[in-house]
Amino acid sequence: MTLSFTSAAVLLHAATTACISGVDLDHEGSLDSSDGALGTASEPEPTSVLDPAGWIGVYHFEHPDLPLGERGDPHGTYSLVNFELHASGRATVVFDDCHFDHPLTHHYRWAPSLEPGWLELQPGPSEYDLRLLGIQKVDTLRIELLPRDHALRFEADGEINPFFVFWPGESCWIDRCTTPSIMQVDYCEGERPEH
């Protein structure tokens, strides 16, 4: 399967729509992404030597139209997403949305890639498929450490979306759409962790 990796907003919005519509995202059914072009952005310098200890921790997704800590309308993508790399070689993504009854959780196994600076992800225990954020079925999934910001970005089926970056620290709901179309997500511990 080839994934056209468009934008984080399209992917998160599609997952939200599928979950609201009752689509089963944990088994054979997979979401279709719209075809589209990737945006242009400066490419970060890749990590030359992989130190797995530098990858361990919790990372969060920040919506491009609603910075972390700000309250507002993220234009259709009312989501909170955290990704955690464990020292045990496991990883977990937690994907929640204002429209969900409960968050989706997906587990992975990770191992260093043959290409320096990357980790390969495989389905974790009790998972049947490899899925980007636990929602989009993919054939290959890798993550890269962006050394300057100590952030992660995903490569799904050979495609990288430069705007779909996970930043250090766990995010938590401050306002989970108590007012329709308005949300706020911030660091759980109050401020960005230092690395």
N, C-alpha and C. Protein backbone atom coordinates (compact mmCIF):
# COMPACT_ATOMS: atom_id res chain seq x y z
N MET A 1 0.84 -1.18 0.00
CA MET A 1 0.00 0.00 0.00
C MET A 1 0.88 1.23 0.00
N THR A 2 0.60 2.18 -0.86
CA THR A 2 1.34 3.41 -0.90
C THR A 2 0.51 4.51 -0.25
N LEU A 3 1.12 5.22 0.68
CA LEU A 3 0.43 6.28 1.41
C LEU A 3 0.81 7.62 0.83
N SER A 4 -0.17 8.39 0.41
CA SER A 4 0.09 9.76 0.02
C SER A 4 0.02 10.59 1.30
N PHE A 5 1.16 10.97 1.83
CA PHE A 5 1.29 11.56 3.14
C PHE A 5 1.11 13.07 3.01
N THR A 6 -0.12 13.56 3.07
CA THR A 6 -0.41 14.95 2.77
C THR A 6 -0.13 15.86 3.95
N SER A 7 -1.09 16.12 4.81
CA SER A 7 -0.86 17.01 5.94
C SER A 7 -1.40 16.40 7.21
N ALA A 8 -0.86 16.83 8.32
CA ALA A 8 -1.33 16.33 9.61
C ALA A 8 -2.80 16.63 9.79
N ALA A 9 -3.25 17.78 9.37
CA ALA A 9 -4.65 18.15 9.53
C ALA A 9 -5.57 17.20 8.75
N VAL A 10 -5.19 16.83 7.53
CA VAL A 10 -6.01 15.93 6.73
C VAL A 10 -6.06 14.55 7.39
N LEU A 11 -4.92 14.04 7.83
CA LEU A 11 -4.87 12.73 8.46
C LEU A 11 -5.68 12.71 9.75
N LEU A 12 -5.46 13.70 10.62
CA LEU A 12 -6.18 13.72 11.89
C LEU A 12 -7.67 13.94 11.66
N HIS A 13 -8.03 14.78 10.70
CA HIS A 13 -9.44 15.01 10.41
C HIS A 13 -10.10 13.74 9.87
N ALA A 14 -9.39 13.01 9.00
CA ALA A 14 -9.93 11.77 8.46
C ALA A 14 -10.15 10.74 9.56
N ALA A 15 -9.20 10.65 10.49
CA ALA A 15 -9.34 9.71 11.59
C ALA A 15 -10.51 10.09 12.48
N THR A 16 -10.65 11.37 12.75
CA THR A 16 -11.76 11.85 13.56
C THR A 16 -13.08 11.51 12.90
N THR A 17 -13.19 11.78 11.61
CA THR A 17 -14.42 11.50 10.87
C THR A 17 -14.72 10.01 10.89
N ALA A 18 -13.70 9.18 10.69
CA ALA A 18 -13.90 7.73 10.69
C ALA A 18 -14.37 7.23 12.05
N CYS A 19 -13.78 7.74 13.12
CA CYS A 19 -14.17 7.30 14.45
C CYS A 19 -15.58 7.75 14.79
N ILE A 20 -15.94 8.97 14.41
CA ILE A 20 -17.28 9.47 14.67
C ILE A 20 -18.29 8.64 13.89
N SER A 21 -17.92 8.22 12.67
CA SER A 21 -18.82 7.45 11.82
C SER A 21 -18.87 5.98 12.21
N GLY A 22 -18.07 5.58 13.20
CA GLY A 22 -18.09 4.21 13.67
C GLY A 22 -17.21 3.28 12.87
N VAL A 23 -16.26 3.79 12.09
CA VAL A 23 -15.35 2.94 11.33
C VAL A 23 -14.38 2.28 12.30
N ASP A 24 -14.15 0.99 12.14
CA ASP A 24 -13.21 0.27 12.98
C ASP A 24 -11.80 0.52 12.47
N LEU A 25 -11.01 1.22 13.25
CA LEU A 25 -9.66 1.57 12.83
C LEU A 25 -8.61 0.57 13.30
N ASP A 26 -9.00 -0.42 14.10
CA ASP A 26 -8.03 -1.31 14.68
C ASP A 26 -7.86 -2.61 13.91
N HIS A 27 -8.62 -2.81 12.85
CA HIS A 27 -8.51 -4.08 12.12
C HIS A 27 -8.30 -3.82 10.63
N GLU A 28 -8.81 -4.64 9.78
CA GLU A 28 -8.48 -4.59 8.36
C GLU A 28 -8.86 -3.30 7.65
N GLY A 29 -9.90 -2.61 8.04
CA GLY A 29 -10.29 -1.38 7.37
C GLY A 29 -9.26 -0.30 7.61
N SER A 30 -8.90 0.43 6.56
CA SER A 30 -7.96 1.53 6.73
C SER A 30 -8.53 2.76 6.06
N LEU A 31 -8.07 3.90 6.54
CA LEU A 31 -8.54 5.16 6.00
C LEU A 31 -7.81 5.47 4.71
N ASP A 32 -8.49 6.10 3.78
CA ASP A 32 -7.86 6.57 2.56
C ASP A 32 -7.42 8.00 2.77
N SER A 33 -6.16 8.33 2.48
CA SER A 33 -5.71 9.71 2.53
C SER A 33 -5.93 10.33 1.17
N SER A 34 -6.23 11.63 1.14
CA SER A 34 -6.36 12.33 -0.12
C SER A 34 -4.99 12.52 -0.74
N ASP A 35 -4.93 12.45 -2.07
CA ASP A 35 -3.66 12.73 -2.73
C ASP A 35 -3.40 14.22 -2.64
N GLY A 36 -2.14 14.57 -2.45
CA GLY A 36 -1.80 15.98 -2.37
C GLY A 36 -0.30 16.14 -2.34
N ALA A 37 0.14 17.34 -2.54
CA ALA A 37 1.56 17.62 -2.57
C ALA A 37 2.04 18.00 -1.18
N LEU A 38 3.27 17.65 -0.89
CA LEU A 38 3.86 18.05 0.36
C LEU A 38 4.25 19.52 0.27
N GLY A 39 4.19 20.20 1.40
CA GLY A 39 4.62 21.59 1.43
C GLY A 39 6.12 21.65 1.37
N THR A 40 6.66 22.83 1.18
CA THR A 40 8.09 22.98 1.16
C THR A 40 8.54 23.54 2.48
N ALA A 41 9.64 23.03 2.96
CA ALA A 41 10.22 23.50 4.21
C ALA A 41 11.69 23.18 4.16
N SER A 42 12.47 23.89 4.95
CA SER A 42 13.90 23.59 4.97
C SER A 42 14.10 22.24 5.64
N GLU A 43 14.96 21.44 5.07
CA GLU A 43 15.21 20.11 5.59
C GLU A 43 16.20 20.21 6.74
N PRO A 44 15.90 19.57 7.88
CA PRO A 44 16.83 19.59 9.00
C PRO A 44 18.01 18.67 8.73
N GLU A 45 19.07 18.92 9.45
CA GLU A 45 20.24 18.05 9.34
C GLU A 45 19.91 16.71 9.99
N PRO A 46 20.18 15.60 9.31
CA PRO A 46 19.91 14.29 9.93
C PRO A 46 20.89 14.01 11.06
N THR A 47 20.49 13.14 11.97
CA THR A 47 21.36 12.71 13.04
C THR A 47 22.40 11.76 12.45
N SER A 48 23.69 11.98 12.75
CA SER A 48 24.71 11.14 12.15
C SER A 48 24.94 9.85 12.92
N VAL A 49 24.86 9.89 14.24
CA VAL A 49 25.05 8.70 15.05
C VAL A 49 23.83 8.52 15.93
N LEU A 50 23.29 7.33 15.96
CA LEU A 50 22.09 7.06 16.74
C LEU A 50 22.47 6.69 18.16
N ASP A 51 22.01 7.48 19.10
CA ASP A 51 22.13 7.17 20.52
C ASP A 51 20.72 6.92 21.01
N PRO A 52 20.31 5.65 21.14
CA PRO A 52 18.92 5.38 21.54
C PRO A 52 18.49 6.10 22.81
N ALA A 53 19.40 6.36 23.73
CA ALA A 53 19.03 7.06 24.96
C ALA A 53 18.49 8.45 24.65
N GLY A 54 18.96 9.05 23.59
CA GLY A 54 18.50 10.38 23.21
C GLY A 54 17.09 10.40 22.64
N TRP A 55 16.55 9.25 22.32
CA TRP A 55 15.22 9.16 21.74
C TRP A 55 14.14 8.88 22.78
N ILE A 56 14.52 8.41 23.95
CA ILE A 56 13.57 7.97 24.96
C ILE A 56 12.81 9.17 25.53
N GLY A 57 11.49 9.05 25.62
CA GLY A 57 10.69 10.13 26.21
C GLY A 57 9.35 10.28 25.53
N VAL A 58 8.62 11.30 25.96
CA VAL A 58 7.28 11.57 25.44
C VAL A 58 7.34 12.81 24.54
N TYR A 59 6.65 12.72 23.41
CA TYR A 59 6.60 13.80 22.43
C TYR A 59 5.13 14.08 22.10
N HIS A 60 4.84 15.30 21.71
CA HIS A 60 3.45 15.67 21.39
C HIS A 60 3.38 16.34 20.03
N PHE A 61 2.22 16.22 19.40
CA PHE A 61 1.94 16.91 18.15
C PHE A 61 1.35 18.29 18.46
N GLU A 62 1.82 19.31 17.76
CA GLU A 62 1.26 20.65 17.86
C GLU A 62 0.57 20.99 16.55
N HIS A 63 -0.69 21.36 16.65
CA HIS A 63 -1.47 21.73 15.47
C HIS A 63 -0.86 22.97 14.83
N PRO A 64 -0.63 22.99 13.52
CA PRO A 64 0.01 24.15 12.88
C PRO A 64 -0.81 25.44 12.98
N ASP A 65 -2.13 25.34 13.15
CA ASP A 65 -2.97 26.54 13.23
C ASP A 65 -3.33 26.93 14.66
N LEU A 66 -2.91 26.14 15.65
CA LEU A 66 -3.23 26.46 17.04
C LEU A 66 -2.04 26.05 17.92
N PRO A 67 -1.13 26.98 18.17
CA PRO A 67 0.07 26.66 18.96
C PRO A 67 -0.29 26.12 20.35
N LEU A 68 0.59 25.28 20.87
CA LEU A 68 0.41 24.70 22.18
C LEU A 68 0.21 25.81 23.22
N GLY A 69 -0.77 25.64 24.07
CA GLY A 69 -1.05 26.61 25.12
C GLY A 69 -2.09 27.64 24.75
N GLU A 70 -2.36 27.82 23.46
CA GLU A 70 -3.36 28.79 23.04
C GLU A 70 -4.73 28.14 22.95
N ARG A 71 -5.76 28.90 23.27
CA ARG A 71 -7.15 28.43 23.19
C ARG A 71 -7.75 28.98 21.91
N GLY A 72 -8.43 28.11 21.14
CA GLY A 72 -9.03 28.59 19.90
C GLY A 72 -9.62 27.47 19.07
N ASP A 73 -9.92 27.80 17.82
CA ASP A 73 -10.51 26.85 16.87
C ASP A 73 -9.41 26.35 15.94
N PRO A 74 -9.08 25.04 16.00
CA PRO A 74 -8.05 24.49 15.14
C PRO A 74 -8.56 24.11 13.75
N HIS A 75 -9.71 24.62 13.37
CA HIS A 75 -10.25 24.46 12.02
C HIS A 75 -10.49 23.00 11.64
N GLY A 76 -11.22 22.28 12.48
CA GLY A 76 -11.65 20.93 12.14
C GLY A 76 -10.85 19.80 12.71
N THR A 77 -9.70 20.07 13.31
CA THR A 77 -8.86 19.01 13.86
C THR A 77 -8.73 19.23 15.36
N TYR A 78 -9.64 18.66 16.11
CA TYR A 78 -9.73 18.88 17.55
C TYR A 78 -9.05 17.74 18.30
N SER A 79 -7.73 17.62 18.10
CA SER A 79 -7.03 16.42 18.55
C SER A 79 -5.87 16.72 19.49
N LEU A 80 -5.59 15.72 20.31
CA LEU A 80 -4.42 15.68 21.18
C LEU A 80 -3.70 14.38 20.83
N VAL A 81 -2.41 14.45 20.50
CA VAL A 81 -1.65 13.25 20.14
C VAL A 81 -0.31 13.27 20.87
N ASN A 82 -0.02 12.19 21.60
CA ASN A 82 1.27 12.00 22.26
C ASN A 82 1.89 10.71 21.77
N PHE A 83 3.23 10.73 21.62
CA PHE A 83 3.98 9.55 21.18
C PHE A 83 5.10 9.34 22.18
N GLU A 84 5.21 8.13 22.72
CA GLU A 84 6.24 7.85 23.72
C GLU A 84 7.13 6.71 23.28
N LEU A 85 8.44 6.94 23.37
CA LEU A 85 9.45 5.91 23.13
C LEU A 85 9.94 5.42 24.48
N HIS A 86 9.85 4.11 24.71
CA HIS A 86 10.28 3.49 25.96
C HIS A 86 11.66 2.86 25.79
N ALA A 87 12.46 2.86 26.83
CA ALA A 87 13.80 2.26 26.79
C ALA A 87 13.75 0.77 26.49
N SER A 88 12.61 0.14 26.71
CA SER A 88 12.45 -1.31 26.50
C SER A 88 12.36 -1.70 25.03
N GLY A 89 12.42 -0.72 24.12
CA GLY A 89 12.26 -1.02 22.70
C GLY A 89 10.81 -0.97 22.26
N ARG A 90 9.95 -0.48 23.10
CA ARG A 90 8.53 -0.32 22.78
C ARG A 90 8.21 1.15 22.60
N ALA A 91 7.09 1.42 21.96
CA ALA A 91 6.60 2.79 21.79
C ALA A 91 5.08 2.77 21.82
N THR A 92 4.49 3.90 22.16
CA THR A 92 3.04 4.00 22.27
C THR A 92 2.59 5.34 21.72
N VAL A 93 1.49 5.34 20.97
CA VAL A 93 0.86 6.58 20.56
C VAL A 93 -0.52 6.62 21.21
N VAL A 94 -0.88 7.79 21.73
CA VAL A 94 -2.21 8.03 22.28
C VAL A 94 -2.81 9.17 21.46
N PHE A 95 -3.94 8.88 20.81
CA PHE A 95 -4.59 9.83 19.92
C PHE A 95 -6.00 10.07 20.46
N ASP A 96 -6.29 11.31 20.86
CA ASP A 96 -7.61 11.65 21.38
C ASP A 96 -8.17 12.82 20.58
N ASP A 97 -9.46 12.96 20.61
CA ASP A 97 -10.15 14.01 19.87
C ASP A 97 -11.40 14.39 20.65
N CYS A 98 -11.83 15.62 20.50
CA CYS A 98 -13.03 16.10 21.19
C CYS A 98 -14.25 15.24 20.89
N HIS A 99 -14.27 14.58 19.74
CA HIS A 99 -15.43 13.79 19.34
C HIS A 99 -15.36 12.33 19.77
N PHE A 100 -14.24 11.91 20.36
CA PHE A 100 -14.07 10.52 20.77
C PHE A 100 -14.67 10.30 22.16
N ASP A 101 -15.18 9.10 22.39
CA ASP A 101 -15.60 8.72 23.73
C ASP A 101 -14.39 8.39 24.60
N HIS A 102 -13.35 7.85 23.98
CA HIS A 102 -12.11 7.54 24.68
C HIS A 102 -10.96 7.58 23.67
N PRO A 103 -9.73 7.82 24.13
CA PRO A 103 -8.59 7.91 23.22
C PRO A 103 -8.27 6.57 22.56
N LEU A 104 -7.66 6.64 21.37
CA LEU A 104 -7.13 5.46 20.70
C LEU A 104 -5.67 5.29 21.14
N THR A 105 -5.28 4.06 21.42
CA THR A 105 -3.89 3.76 21.80
C THR A 105 -3.37 2.68 20.87
N HIS A 106 -2.14 2.88 20.37
CA HIS A 106 -1.52 1.89 19.48
C HIS A 106 -0.09 1.67 19.97
N HIS A 107 0.37 0.42 19.90
CA HIS A 107 1.69 0.04 20.42
C HIS A 107 2.61 -0.37 19.28
N TYR A 108 3.88 -0.07 19.47
CA TYR A 108 4.91 -0.40 18.48
C TYR A 108 6.10 -1.05 19.17
N ARG A 109 6.94 -1.69 18.36
CA ARG A 109 8.30 -2.08 18.73
C ARG A 109 9.21 -1.20 17.89
N TRP A 110 10.33 -0.75 18.46
CA TRP A 110 11.28 0.05 17.67
C TRP A 110 12.67 -0.57 17.73
N ALA A 111 13.45 -0.29 16.67
CA ALA A 111 14.84 -0.74 16.59
C ALA A 111 15.59 0.25 15.71
N PRO A 112 16.89 0.43 15.95
CA PRO A 112 17.67 1.32 15.09
C PRO A 112 17.59 0.87 13.63
N SER A 113 17.51 1.83 12.75
CA SER A 113 17.48 1.57 11.31
C SER A 113 18.90 1.36 10.80
N LEU A 114 19.02 0.79 9.62
CA LEU A 114 20.34 0.69 8.99
C LEU A 114 20.85 2.07 8.60
N GLU A 115 19.94 3.00 8.38
CA GLU A 115 20.32 4.39 8.07
C GLU A 115 20.49 5.15 9.38
N PRO A 116 21.67 5.73 9.62
CA PRO A 116 21.91 6.43 10.88
C PRO A 116 20.88 7.54 11.14
N GLY A 117 20.50 7.67 12.42
CA GLY A 117 19.58 8.74 12.80
C GLY A 117 18.11 8.37 12.73
N TRP A 118 17.81 7.14 12.43
CA TRP A 118 16.42 6.72 12.27
C TRP A 118 16.12 5.51 13.14
N LEU A 119 14.86 5.39 13.54
CA LEU A 119 14.36 4.20 14.20
C LEU A 119 13.26 3.60 13.34
N GLU A 120 13.26 2.28 13.21
CA GLU A 120 12.22 1.55 12.48
C GLU A 120 11.13 1.17 13.47
N LEU A 121 9.88 1.34 13.09
CA LEU A 121 8.76 0.92 13.92
C LEU A 121 8.09 -0.30 13.31
N GLN A 122 7.70 -1.23 14.17
CA GLN A 122 6.96 -2.43 13.79
C GLN A 122 5.76 -2.56 14.72
N PRO A 123 4.75 -3.34 14.33
CA PRO A 123 3.60 -3.50 15.23
C PRO A 123 4.04 -4.05 16.59
N GLY A 124 3.45 -3.51 17.64
CA GLY A 124 3.76 -3.95 18.99
C GLY A 124 2.92 -5.15 19.38
N PRO A 125 3.07 -5.58 20.63
CA PRO A 125 2.30 -6.72 21.13
C PRO A 125 0.80 -6.48 20.96
N SER A 126 0.10 -7.46 20.53
CA SER A 126 -1.35 -7.46 20.32
C SER A 126 -1.81 -6.57 19.17
N GLU A 127 -0.89 -6.03 18.38
CA GLU A 127 -1.26 -5.23 17.22
C GLU A 127 -1.15 -6.10 15.97
N TYR A 128 -2.12 -5.99 15.08
CA TYR A 128 -2.13 -6.81 13.86
C TYR A 128 -1.45 -6.12 12.69
N ASP A 129 -1.49 -4.79 12.68
CA ASP A 129 -0.99 -4.02 11.54
C ASP A 129 -0.06 -2.92 12.00
N LEU A 130 0.78 -2.46 11.07
CA LEU A 130 1.59 -1.28 11.29
C LEU A 130 0.74 -0.08 10.88
N ARG A 131 0.56 0.87 11.80
CA ARG A 131 -0.32 2.01 11.53
C ARG A 131 0.34 3.31 11.97
N LEU A 132 0.25 4.31 11.12
CA LEU A 132 0.69 5.65 11.45
C LEU A 132 -0.29 6.23 12.46
N LEU A 133 0.20 6.56 13.65
CA LEU A 133 -0.61 7.09 14.76
C LEU A 133 -1.73 6.14 15.17
N GLY A 134 -1.62 4.90 14.80
CA GLY A 134 -2.64 3.93 15.16
C GLY A 134 -3.88 3.98 14.29
N ILE A 135 -3.88 4.82 13.23
CA ILE A 135 -5.09 4.98 12.41
C ILE A 135 -4.90 4.60 10.95
N GLN A 136 -3.78 4.96 10.36
CA GLN A 136 -3.56 4.74 8.92
C GLN A 136 -2.64 3.55 8.71
N LYS A 137 -3.15 2.50 8.09
CA LYS A 137 -2.34 1.31 7.82
C LYS A 137 -1.25 1.66 6.81
N VAL A 138 0.01 1.27 7.13
CA VAL A 138 1.16 1.55 6.27
C VAL A 138 2.02 0.29 6.16
N ASP A 139 2.90 0.27 5.16
CA ASP A 139 3.82 -0.84 4.99
C ASP A 139 5.12 -0.62 5.77
N THR A 140 5.62 0.63 5.79
CA THR A 140 6.84 0.96 6.53
C THR A 140 6.61 2.23 7.33
N LEU A 141 7.25 2.29 8.49
CA LEU A 141 7.12 3.46 9.37
C LEU A 141 8.42 3.65 10.11
N ARG A 142 8.98 4.86 9.99
CA ARG A 142 10.23 5.20 10.67
C ARG A 142 10.06 6.56 11.35
N ILE A 143 10.93 6.81 12.33
CA ILE A 143 10.98 8.13 12.94
C ILE A 143 12.41 8.62 12.92
N GLU A 144 12.55 9.93 12.79
CA GLU A 144 13.86 10.58 12.75
C GLU A 144 13.93 11.60 13.87
N LEU A 145 15.09 11.66 14.55
CA LEU A 145 15.33 12.67 15.56
C LEU A 145 15.85 13.93 14.87
N LEU A 146 15.21 15.05 15.15
CA LEU A 146 15.66 16.34 14.63
C LEU A 146 16.52 16.96 15.73
N PRO A 147 17.84 16.87 15.61
CA PRO A 147 18.73 17.22 16.72
C PRO A 147 18.61 18.65 17.22
N ARG A 148 18.39 19.61 16.35
CA ARG A 148 18.34 21.01 16.77
C ARG A 148 17.22 21.26 17.79
N ASP A 149 16.06 20.65 17.57
CA ASP A 149 14.91 20.87 18.45
C ASP A 149 14.60 19.67 19.33
N HIS A 150 15.37 18.61 19.22
CA HIS A 150 15.12 17.35 19.90
C HIS A 150 13.67 16.91 19.66
N ALA A 151 13.27 16.96 18.40
CA ALA A 151 11.91 16.61 18.00
C ALA A 151 11.96 15.38 17.11
N LEU A 152 10.78 14.81 16.83
CA LEU A 152 10.66 13.64 15.97
C LEU A 152 9.81 13.96 14.76
N ARG A 153 10.12 13.31 13.66
CA ARG A 153 9.20 13.35 12.53
C ARG A 153 9.07 11.94 11.98
N PHE A 154 7.92 11.67 11.40
CA PHE A 154 7.60 10.35 10.90
C PHE A 154 7.79 10.26 9.40
N GLU A 155 8.24 9.09 8.96
CA GLU A 155 8.29 8.75 7.54
C GLU A 155 7.39 7.53 7.38
N ALA A 156 6.35 7.66 6.57
CA ALA A 156 5.41 6.56 6.33
C ALA A 156 5.49 6.16 4.86
N ASP A 157 5.79 4.90 4.61
CA ASP A 157 5.92 4.39 3.25
C ASP A 157 6.83 5.26 2.39
N GLY A 158 7.94 5.71 2.98
CA GLY A 158 8.94 6.49 2.26
C GLY A 158 8.62 7.96 2.11
N GLU A 159 7.51 8.43 2.64
CA GLU A 159 7.10 9.84 2.52
C GLU A 159 7.25 10.55 3.86
N ILE A 160 7.84 11.75 3.84
CA ILE A 160 7.97 12.57 5.03
C ILE A 160 7.13 13.82 4.84
N ASN A 161 6.35 14.15 5.85
CA ASN A 161 5.65 15.43 5.86
C ASN A 161 6.41 16.35 6.80
N PRO A 162 7.08 17.40 6.29
CA PRO A 162 7.91 18.24 7.14
C PRO A 162 7.12 19.05 8.17
N PHE A 163 5.81 19.15 8.02
CA PHE A 163 5.01 19.92 8.96
C PHE A 163 4.44 19.05 10.07
N PHE A 164 4.60 17.76 9.97
CA PHE A 164 4.04 16.81 10.93
C PHE A 164 5.16 16.40 11.88
N VAL A 165 5.44 17.26 12.87
CA VAL A 165 6.56 17.09 13.79
C VAL A 165 6.02 16.89 15.20
N PHE A 166 6.69 16.02 15.96
CA PHE A 166 6.35 15.81 17.37
C PHE A 166 7.45 16.44 18.22
N TRP A 167 7.04 17.26 19.19
CA TRP A 167 7.94 18.05 20.02
C TRP A 167 8.07 17.41 21.40
N PRO A 168 9.18 17.67 22.11
CA PRO A 168 9.39 17.06 23.43
C PRO A 168 8.31 17.46 24.43
N GLY A 169 7.97 16.53 25.29
CA GLY A 169 7.03 16.77 26.38
C GLY A 169 5.64 16.22 26.08
N GLU A 170 4.95 15.84 27.13
CA GLU A 170 3.60 15.32 27.01
C GLU A 170 2.60 16.46 27.00
N SER A 171 1.58 16.34 26.14
CA SER A 171 0.51 17.35 26.11
C SER A 171 -0.73 16.80 26.79
N CYS A 172 -1.49 17.70 27.40
CA CYS A 172 -2.73 17.34 28.09
C CYS A 172 -3.82 18.34 27.71
N TRP A 173 -5.05 17.88 27.84
CA TRP A 173 -6.18 18.76 27.58
C TRP A 173 -6.27 19.83 28.68
N ILE A 174 -6.46 21.08 28.28
CA ILE A 174 -6.81 22.17 29.19
C ILE A 174 -8.30 22.45 29.01
N ASP A 175 -8.73 22.48 27.74
CA ASP A 175 -10.15 22.65 27.40
C ASP A 175 -10.47 21.68 26.28
N ARG A 176 -11.21 20.63 26.60
CA ARG A 176 -11.56 19.59 25.61
C ARG A 176 -12.90 19.93 24.97
N CYS A 177 -12.94 21.07 24.28
CA CYS A 177 -14.11 21.52 23.52
C CYS A 177 -15.35 21.70 24.40
N THR A 178 -15.18 22.29 25.59
CA THR A 178 -16.35 22.59 26.42
C THR A 178 -17.24 23.61 25.71
N THR A 179 -16.63 24.46 24.90
CA THR A 179 -17.35 25.32 23.96
C THR A 179 -17.14 24.69 22.59
N PRO A 180 -18.23 24.40 21.84
CA PRO A 180 -18.06 23.75 20.53
C PRO A 180 -17.02 24.46 19.65
N SER A 181 -16.16 23.68 19.02
CA SER A 181 -15.13 24.14 18.10
C SER A 181 -13.99 24.91 18.76
N ILE A 182 -13.92 24.92 20.08
CA ILE A 182 -12.83 25.60 20.78
C ILE A 182 -12.13 24.58 21.68
N MET A 183 -10.81 24.58 21.62
CA MET A 183 -10.02 23.65 22.43
C MET A 183 -8.73 24.31 22.88
N GLN A 184 -8.09 23.68 23.86
CA GLN A 184 -6.77 24.12 24.30
C GLN A 184 -6.01 22.92 24.82
N VAL A 185 -4.77 22.78 24.33
CA VAL A 185 -3.86 21.73 24.75
C VAL A 185 -2.58 22.41 25.19
N ASP A 186 -1.96 21.91 26.27
CA ASP A 186 -0.71 22.49 26.75
C ASP A 186 0.15 21.39 27.34
N TYR A 187 1.38 21.75 27.72
CA TYR A 187 2.25 20.78 28.38
C TYR A 187 1.60 20.32 29.67
N CYS A 188 1.69 19.02 29.95
CA CYS A 188 1.12 18.49 31.19
C CYS A 188 1.84 19.05 32.41
N GLU A 189 3.13 19.26 32.30
CA GLU A 189 3.92 19.76 33.42
C GLU A 189 4.05 21.27 33.43
N GLY A 190 3.37 21.97 32.53
CA GLY A 190 3.38 23.42 32.55
C GLY A 190 4.34 24.11 31.63
N GLU A 191 5.48 23.50 31.30
CA GLU A 191 6.40 24.14 30.37
C GLU A 191 7.23 23.10 29.63
N ARG A 192 7.79 23.51 28.50
CA ARG A 192 8.55 22.60 27.65
C ARG A 192 9.77 22.05 28.40
N PRO A 193 9.95 20.73 28.37
CA PRO A 193 11.12 20.16 29.04
C PRO A 193 12.41 20.54 28.31
N GLU A 194 13.49 20.65 29.07
CA GLU A 194 14.78 21.00 28.47
C GLU A 194 15.55 19.72 28.14
N HIS A 195 16.27 19.76 27.02
CA HIS A 195 17.09 18.60 26.61
C HIS A 195 18.49 19.05 26.38
